[in-house]
Amino acid sequence: MSNVLKVVKLQNAKSEFKMLVVLVFCFVAMSFFATGFMYAQASEISILIKLLAIVGAVNIAMMLYILKKFSALVKT
């Protein structure tokens, strides 16, 4: 593969990673806002624990996906 194609692919991967980081940050912020809003409506500790467990699991999965993409980007 030519150097130009390598540079273009690397720039594309970097821009995709930046977009992914921004989207994940927005999703994490919205998910914790939604958790707080739902907890304010029904103030039971069991509901809060369930919400935090579900949202936390999704957020952890997204962070692991970002770390996987970052390590793939660093290796190139």
PDB file of N, CA and C in Angstrom:
ATOM      1  N   MET A   1       0.845  -1.172   0.000  1.00  0.00           N
ATOM      2  CA  MET A   1       0.000   0.000   0.000  1.00  0.00           C
ATOM      3  C   MET A   1       0.895   1.241   0.000  1.00  0.00           C
ATOM      4  N   SER A   2       0.474   2.239  -0.721  1.00  0.00           N
ATOM      5  CA  SER A   2       1.301   3.439  -0.807  1.00  0.00           C
ATOM      6  C   SER A   2       1.216   4.246   0.483  1.00  0.00           C
ATOM      7  N   ASN A   3       2.187   5.118   0.630  1.00  0.00           N
ATOM      8  CA  ASN A   3       2.237   5.950   1.840  1.00  0.00           C
ATOM      9  C   ASN A   3       1.036   6.886   1.941  1.00  0.00           C
ATOM     10  N   VAL A   4       0.558   7.357   0.804  1.00  0.00           N
ATOM     11  CA  VAL A   4      -0.586   8.264   0.816  1.00  0.00           C
ATOM     12  C   VAL A   4      -1.815   7.554   1.378  1.00  0.00           C
ATOM     13  N   LEU A   5      -2.047   6.324   0.947  1.00  0.00           N
ATOM     14  CA  LEU A   5      -3.197   5.572   1.452  1.00  0.00           C
ATOM     15  C   LEU A   5      -3.055   5.275   2.940  1.00  0.00           C
ATOM     16  N   LYS A   6      -1.845   4.996   3.382  1.00  0.00           N
ATOM     17  CA  LYS A   6      -1.625   4.756   4.814  1.00  0.00           C
ATOM     18  C   LYS A   6      -1.939   6.001   5.630  1.00  0.00           C
ATOM     19  N   VAL A   7      -1.492   7.154   5.146  1.00  0.00           N
ATOM     20  CA  VAL A   7      -1.741   8.410   5.850  1.00  0.00           C
ATOM     21  C   VAL A   7      -3.236   8.716   5.882  1.00  0.00           C
ATOM     22  N   VAL A   8      -3.916   8.490   4.763  1.00  0.00           N
ATOM     23  CA  VAL A   8      -5.358   8.749   4.708  1.00  0.00           C
ATOM     24  C   VAL A   8      -6.103   7.822   5.655  1.00  0.00           C
ATOM     25  N   LYS A   9      -5.725   6.553   5.685  1.00  0.00           N
ATOM     26  CA  LYS A   9      -6.376   5.606   6.594  1.00  0.00           C
ATOM     27  C   LYS A   9      -6.125   5.979   8.052  1.00  0.00           C
ATOM     28  N   LEU A  10      -4.914   6.403   8.373  1.00  0.00           N
ATOM     29  CA  LEU A  10      -4.598   6.799   9.740  1.00  0.00           C
ATOM     30  C   LEU A  10      -5.381   8.044  10.149  1.00  0.00           C
ATOM     31  N   GLN A  11      -5.470   9.027   9.258  1.00  0.00           N
ATOM     32  CA  GLN A  11      -6.249  10.226   9.564  1.00  0.00           C
ATOM     33  C   GLN A  11      -7.727   9.892   9.734  1.00  0.00           C
ATOM     34  N   ASN A  12      -8.228   8.980   8.915  1.00  0.00           N
ATOM     35  CA  ASN A  12      -9.622   8.561   9.031  1.00  0.00           C
ATOM     36  C   ASN A  12      -9.863   7.858  10.364  1.00  0.00           C
ATOM     37  N   ALA A  13      -8.941   7.001  10.758  1.00  0.00           N
ATOM     38  CA  ALA A  13      -9.082   6.296  12.035  1.00  0.00           C
ATOM     39  C   ALA A  13      -9.039   7.275  13.201  1.00  0.00           C
ATOM     40  N   LYS A  14      -8.165   8.276  13.126  1.00  0.00           N
ATOM     41  CA  LYS A  14      -8.082   9.277  14.195  1.00  0.00           C
ATOM     42  C   LYS A  14      -9.360  10.102  14.288  1.00  0.00           C
ATOM     43  N   SER A  15      -9.897  10.501  13.145  1.00  0.00           N
ATOM     44  CA  SER A  15     -11.129  11.299  13.183  1.00  0.00           C
ATOM     45  C   SER A  15     -12.305  10.465  13.672  1.00  0.00           C
ATOM     46  N   GLU A  16     -12.365   9.183  13.303  1.00  0.00           N
ATOM     47  CA  GLU A  16     -13.419   8.306  13.815  1.00  0.00           C
ATOM     48  C   GLU A  16     -13.296   8.133  15.323  1.00  0.00           C
ATOM     49  N   PHE A  17     -12.065   8.024  15.818  1.00  0.00           N
ATOM     50  CA  PHE A  17     -11.863   7.870  17.257  1.00  0.00           C
ATOM     51  C   PHE A  17     -12.292   9.126  18.006  1.00  0.00           C
ATOM     52  N   LYS A  18     -11.953  10.293  17.466  1.00  0.00           N
ATOM     53  CA  LYS A  18     -12.361  11.545  18.109  1.00  0.00           C
ATOM     54  C   LYS A  18     -13.883  11.649  18.167  1.00  0.00           C
ATOM     55  N   MET A  19     -14.547  11.284  17.075  1.00  0.00           N
ATOM     56  CA  MET A  19     -16.008  11.327  17.050  1.00  0.00           C
ATOM     57  C   MET A  19     -16.590  10.341  18.053  1.00  0.00           C
ATOM     58  N   LEU A  20     -15.987   9.170  18.161  1.00  0.00           N
ATOM     59  CA  LEU A  20     -16.454   8.162  19.109  1.00  0.00           C
ATOM     60  C   LEU A  20     -16.326   8.657  20.543  1.00  0.00           C
ATOM     61  N   VAL A  21     -15.220   9.310  20.862  1.00  0.00           N
ATOM     62  CA  VAL A  21     -15.018   9.829  22.215  1.00  0.00           C
ATOM     63  C   VAL A  21     -16.072  10.887  22.544  1.00  0.00           C
ATOM     64  N   VAL A  22     -16.353  11.770  21.610  1.00  0.00           N
ATOM     65  CA  VAL A  22     -17.361  12.808  21.839  1.00  0.00           C
ATOM     66  C   VAL A  22     -18.737  12.184  22.039  1.00  0.00           C
ATOM     67  N   LEU A  23     -19.089  11.219  21.205  1.00  0.00           N
ATOM     68  CA  LEU A  23     -20.396  10.577  21.323  1.00  0.00           C
ATOM     69  C   LEU A  23     -20.538   9.817  22.635  1.00  0.00           C
ATOM     70  N   VAL A  24     -19.492   9.122  23.043  1.00  0.00           N
ATOM     71  CA  VAL A  24     -19.557   8.379  24.303  1.00  0.00           C
ATOM     72  C   VAL A  24     -19.653   9.335  25.483  1.00  0.00           C
ATOM     73  N   PHE A  25     -18.919  10.434  25.448  1.00  0.00           N
ATOM     74  CA  PHE A  25     -19.011  11.418  26.525  1.00  0.00           C
ATOM     75  C   PHE A  25     -20.431  11.959  26.643  1.00  0.00           C
ATOM     76  N   CYS A  26     -21.037  12.282  25.506  1.00  0.00           N
ATOM     77  CA  CYS A  26     -22.419  12.782  25.527  1.00  0.00           C
ATOM     78  C   CYS A  26     -23.375  11.724  26.049  1.00  0.00           C
ATOM     79  N   PHE A  27     -23.194  10.475  25.630  1.00  0.00           N
ATOM     80  CA  PHE A  27     -24.083   9.409  26.089  1.00  0.00           C
ATOM     81  C   PHE A  27     -23.954   9.182  27.589  1.00  0.00           C
ATOM     82  N   VAL A  28     -22.736   9.192  28.094  1.00  0.00           N
ATOM     83  CA  VAL A  28     -22.529   8.989  29.532  1.00  0.00           C
ATOM     84  C   VAL A  28     -23.168  10.133  30.320  1.00  0.00           C
ATOM     85  N   ALA A  29     -22.991  11.354  29.854  1.00  0.00           N
ATOM     86  CA  ALA A  29     -23.592  12.494  30.547  1.00  0.00           C
ATOM     87  C   ALA A  29     -25.117  12.401  30.533  1.00  0.00           C
ATOM     88  N   MET A  30     -25.687  12.058  29.382  1.00  0.00           N
ATOM     89  CA  MET A  30     -27.147  11.942  29.298  1.00  0.00           C
ATOM     90  C   MET A  30     -27.667  10.790  30.139  1.00  0.00           C
ATOM     91  N   SER A  31     -26.934   9.696  30.194  1.00  0.00           N
ATOM     92  CA  SER A  31     -27.419   8.549  30.961  1.00  0.00           C
ATOM     93  C   SER A  31     -27.428   8.849  32.455  1.00  0.00           C
ATOM     94  N   PHE A  32     -26.411   9.546  32.955  1.00  0.00           N
ATOM     95  CA  PHE A  32     -26.424   9.887  34.372  1.00  0.00           C
ATOM     96  C   PHE A  32     -27.461  10.970  34.681  1.00  0.00           C
ATOM     97  N   PHE A  33     -27.695  11.876  33.747  1.00  0.00           N
ATOM     98  CA  PHE A  33     -28.771  12.848  33.933  1.00  0.00           C
ATOM     99  C   PHE A  33     -30.119  12.140  33.988  1.00  0.00           C
ATOM    100  N   ALA A  34     -30.333  11.189  33.090  1.00  0.00           N
ATOM    101  CA  ALA A  34     -31.595  10.443  33.078  1.00  0.00           C
ATOM    102  C   ALA A  34     -31.761   9.627  34.352  1.00  0.00           C
ATOM    103  N   THR A  35     -30.666   9.047  34.840  1.00  0.00           N
ATOM    104  CA  THR A  35     -30.737   8.286  36.092  1.00  0.00           C
ATOM    105  C   THR A  35     -31.132   9.195  37.248  1.00  0.00           C
ATOM    106  N   GLY A  36     -30.530  10.354  37.337  1.00  0.00           N
ATOM    107  CA  GLY A  36     -30.877  11.302  38.394  1.00  0.00           C
ATOM    108  C   GLY A  36     -32.307  11.792  38.280  1.00  0.00           C
ATOM    109  N   PHE A  37     -32.747  12.030  37.057  1.00  0.00           N
ATOM    110  CA  PHE A  37     -34.120  12.484  36.850  1.00  0.00           C
ATOM    111  C   PHE A  37     -35.122  11.406  37.246  1.00  0.00           C
ATOM    112  N   MET A  38     -34.857  10.156  36.862  1.00  0.00           N
ATOM    113  CA  MET A  38     -35.771   9.067  37.230  1.00  0.00           C
ATOM    114  C   MET A  38     -35.772   8.844  38.739  1.00  0.00           C
ATOM    115  N   TYR A  39     -34.609   8.975  39.361  1.00  0.00           N
ATOM    116  CA  TYR A  39     -34.549   8.782  40.810  1.00  0.00           C
ATOM    117  C   TYR A  39     -35.296   9.893  41.537  1.00  0.00           C
ATOM    118  N   ALA A  40     -35.274  11.096  40.984  1.00  0.00           N
ATOM    119  CA  ALA A  40     -35.997  12.201  41.615  1.00  0.00           C
ATOM    120  C   ALA A  40     -37.504  11.969  41.573  1.00  0.00           C
ATOM    121  N   GLN A  41     -37.965  11.269  40.558  1.00  0.00           N
ATOM    122  CA  GLN A  41     -39.394  10.998  40.442  1.00  0.00           C
ATOM    123  C   GLN A  41     -39.850   9.897  41.400  1.00  0.00           C
ATOM    124  N   ALA A  42     -39.028   8.881  41.585  1.00  0.00           N
ATOM    125  CA  ALA A  42     -39.375   7.767  42.479  1.00  0.00           C
ATOM    126  C   ALA A  42     -38.198   7.553  43.413  1.00  0.00           C
ATOM    127  N   SER A  43     -38.267   8.126  44.582  1.00  0.00           N
ATOM    128  CA  SER A  43     -37.106   8.136  45.473  1.00  0.00           C
ATOM    129  C   SER A  43     -37.040   6.883  46.350  1.00  0.00           C
ATOM    130  N   GLU A  44     -36.769   5.762  45.730  1.00  0.00           N
ATOM    131  CA  GLU A  44     -36.517   4.524  46.464  1.00  0.00           C
ATOM    132  C   GLU A  44     -35.086   4.096  46.177  1.00  0.00           C
ATOM    133  N   ILE A  45     -34.417   3.634  47.191  1.00  0.00           N
ATOM    134  CA  ILE A  45     -33.013   3.246  47.041  1.00  0.00           C
ATOM    135  C   ILE A  45     -32.870   2.059  46.092  1.00  0.00           C
ATOM    136  N   SER A  46     -33.801   1.127  46.121  1.00  0.00           N
ATOM    137  CA  SER A  46     -33.693  -0.055  45.256  1.00  0.00           C
ATOM    138  C   SER A  46     -33.754   0.331  43.780  1.00  0.00           C
ATOM    139  N   ILE A  47     -34.580   1.330  43.455  1.00  0.00           N
ATOM    140  CA  ILE A  47     -34.653   1.792  42.065  1.00  0.00           C
ATOM    141  C   ILE A  47     -33.336   2.439  41.660  1.00  0.00           C
ATOM    142  N   LEU A  48     -32.766   3.239  42.540  1.00  0.00           N
ATOM    143  CA  LEU A  48     -31.496   3.891  42.233  1.00  0.00           C
ATOM    144  C   LEU A  48     -30.392   2.863  42.010  1.00  0.00           C
ATOM    145  N   ILE A  49     -30.350   1.839  42.839  1.00  0.00           N
ATOM    146  CA  ILE A  49     -29.315   0.810  42.696  1.00  0.00           C
ATOM    147  C   ILE A  49     -29.472   0.077  41.369  1.00  0.00           C
ATOM    148  N   LYS A  50     -30.698  -0.260  41.004  1.00  0.00           N
ATOM    149  CA  LYS A  50     -30.939  -0.939  39.724  1.00  0.00           C
ATOM    150  C   LYS A  50     -30.559  -0.047  38.549  1.00  0.00           C
ATOM    151  N   LEU A  51     -30.947   1.221  38.615  1.00  0.00           N
ATOM    152  CA  LEU A  51     -30.612   2.149  37.535  1.00  0.00           C
ATOM    153  C   LEU A  51     -29.107   2.325  37.391  1.00  0.00           C
ATOM    154  N   LEU A  52     -28.424   2.495  38.510  1.00  0.00           N
ATOM    155  CA  LEU A  52     -26.969   2.664  38.449  1.00  0.00           C
ATOM    156  C   LEU A  52     -26.280   1.408  37.932  1.00  0.00           C
ATOM    157  N   ALA A  53     -26.801   0.242  38.297  1.00  0.00           N
ATOM    158  CA  ALA A  53     -26.206  -1.005  37.808  1.00  0.00           C
ATOM    159  C   ALA A  53     -26.381  -1.137  36.299  1.00  0.00           C
ATOM    160  N   ILE A  54     -27.560  -0.845  35.806  1.00  0.00           N
ATOM    161  CA  ILE A  54     -27.815  -0.965  34.363  1.00  0.00           C
ATOM    162  C   ILE A  54     -27.018   0.070  33.587  1.00  0.00           C
ATOM    163  N   VAL A  55     -27.115   1.321  34.004  1.00  0.00           N
ATOM    164  CA  VAL A  55     -26.408   2.395  33.302  1.00  0.00           C
ATOM    165  C   VAL A  55     -24.903   2.220  33.440  1.00  0.00           C
ATOM    166  N   GLY A  56     -24.455   1.807  34.609  1.00  0.00           N
ATOM    167  CA  GLY A  56     -23.025   1.581  34.806  1.00  0.00           C
ATOM    168  C   GLY A  56     -22.491   0.470  33.926  1.00  0.00           C
ATOM    169  N   ALA A  57     -23.259  -0.597  33.765  1.00  0.00           N
ATOM    170  CA  ALA A  57     -22.819  -1.698  32.900  1.00  0.00           C
ATOM    171  C   ALA A  57     -22.703  -1.242  31.449  1.00  0.00           C
ATOM    172  N   VAL A  58     -23.675  -0.470  30.992  1.00  0.00           N
ATOM    173  CA  VAL A  58     -23.622   0.039  29.616  1.00  0.00           C
ATOM    174  C   VAL A  58     -22.442   0.991  29.445  1.00  0.00           C
ATOM    175  N   ASN A  59     -22.227   1.870  30.416  1.00  0.00           N
ATOM    176  CA  ASN A  59     -21.116   2.822  30.322  1.00  0.00           C
ATOM    177  C   ASN A  59     -19.762   2.120  30.378  1.00  0.00           C
ATOM    178  N   ILE A  60     -19.645   1.095  31.197  1.00  0.00           N
ATOM    179  CA  ILE A  60     -18.390   0.334  31.255  1.00  0.00           C
ATOM    180  C   ILE A  60     -18.132  -0.365  29.929  1.00  0.00           C
ATOM    181  N   ALA A  61     -19.174  -0.931  29.339  1.00  0.00           N
ATOM    182  CA  ALA A  61     -19.013  -1.588  28.038  1.00  0.00           C
ATOM    183  C   ALA A  61     -18.562  -0.588  26.976  1.00  0.00           C
ATOM    184  N   MET A  62     -19.117   0.607  27.009  1.00  0.00           N
ATOM    185  CA  MET A  62     -18.713   1.622  26.037  1.00  0.00           C
ATOM    186  C   MET A  62     -17.272   2.065  26.259  1.00  0.00           C
ATOM    187  N   MET A  63     -16.866   2.193  27.504  1.00  0.00           N
ATOM    188  CA  MET A  63     -15.482   2.585  27.779  1.00  0.00           C
ATOM    189  C   MET A  63     -14.506   1.495  27.351  1.00  0.00           C
ATOM    190  N   LEU A  64     -14.869   0.239  27.555  1.00  0.00           N
ATOM    191  CA  LEU A  64     -14.012  -0.853  27.094  1.00  0.00           C
ATOM    192  C   LEU A  64     -13.894  -0.844  25.575  1.00  0.00           C
ATOM    193  N   TYR A  65     -14.984  -0.526  24.887  1.00  0.00           N
ATOM    194  CA  TYR A  65     -14.953  -0.428  23.428  1.00  0.00           C
ATOM    195  C   TYR A  65     -14.027   0.704  22.987  1.00  0.00           C
ATOM    196  N   ILE A  66     -14.080   1.833  23.686  1.00  0.00           N
ATOM    197  CA  ILE A  66     -13.184   2.953  23.359  1.00  0.00           C
ATOM    198  C   ILE A  66     -11.731   2.566  23.590  1.00  0.00           C
ATOM    199  N   LEU A  67     -11.455   1.895  24.694  1.00  0.00           N
ATOM    200  CA  LEU A  67     -10.077   1.476  24.964  1.00  0.00           C
ATOM    201  C   LEU A  67      -9.579   0.502  23.911  1.00  0.00           C
ATOM    202  N   LYS A  68     -10.454  -0.381  23.454  1.00  0.00           N
ATOM    203  CA  LYS A  68     -10.082  -1.326  22.399  1.00  0.00           C
ATOM    204  C   LYS A  68      -9.767  -0.583  21.103  1.00  0.00           C
ATOM    205  N   LYS A  69     -10.600   0.399  20.744  1.00  0.00           N
ATOM    206  CA  LYS A  69     -10.351   1.197  19.544  1.00  0.00           C
ATOM    207  C   LYS A  69      -9.066   2.008  19.687  1.00  0.00           C
ATOM    208  N   PHE A  70      -8.819   2.547  20.885  1.00  0.00           N
ATOM    209  CA  PHE A  70      -7.619   3.344  21.109  1.00  0.00           C
ATOM    210  C   PHE A  70      -6.367   2.488  20.982  1.00  0.00           C
ATOM    211  N   SER A  71      -6.399   1.289  21.546  1.00  0.00           N
ATOM    212  CA  SER A  71      -5.220   0.428  21.442  1.00  0.00           C
ATOM    213  C   SER A  71      -4.977   0.009  19.996  1.00  0.00           C
ATOM    214  N   ALA A  72      -6.041  -0.202  19.232  1.00  0.00           N
ATOM    215  CA  ALA A  72      -5.871  -0.520  17.813  1.00  0.00           C
ATOM    216  C   ALA A  72      -5.312   0.676  17.053  1.00  0.00           C
ATOM    217  N   LEU A  73      -5.711   1.870  17.448  1.00  0.00           N
ATOM    218  CA  LEU A  73      -5.222   3.079  16.787  1.00  0.00           C
ATOM    219  C   LEU A  73      -3.758   3.329  17.112  1.00  0.00           C
ATOM    220  N   VAL A  74      -3.357   3.046  18.334  1.00  0.00           N
ATOM    221  CA  VAL A  74      -1.969   3.263  18.745  1.00  0.00           C
ATOM    222  C   VAL A  74      -1.039   2.276  18.043  1.00  0.00           C
ATOM    223  N   LYS A  75      -1.509   1.065  17.810  1.00  0.00           N
ATOM    224  CA  LYS A  75      -0.670   0.047  17.168  1.00  0.00           C
ATOM    225  C   LYS A  75      -0.388   0.347  15.707  1.00  0.00           C
ATOM    226  N   THR A  76      -1.225   1.182  15.054  1.00  0.00           N
ATOM    227  CA  THR A  76      -1.011   1.469  13.631  1.00  0.00           C
ATOM    228  C   THR A  76       0.036   2.516  13.413  1.00  0.00           C
TER     229      THR A  76
END
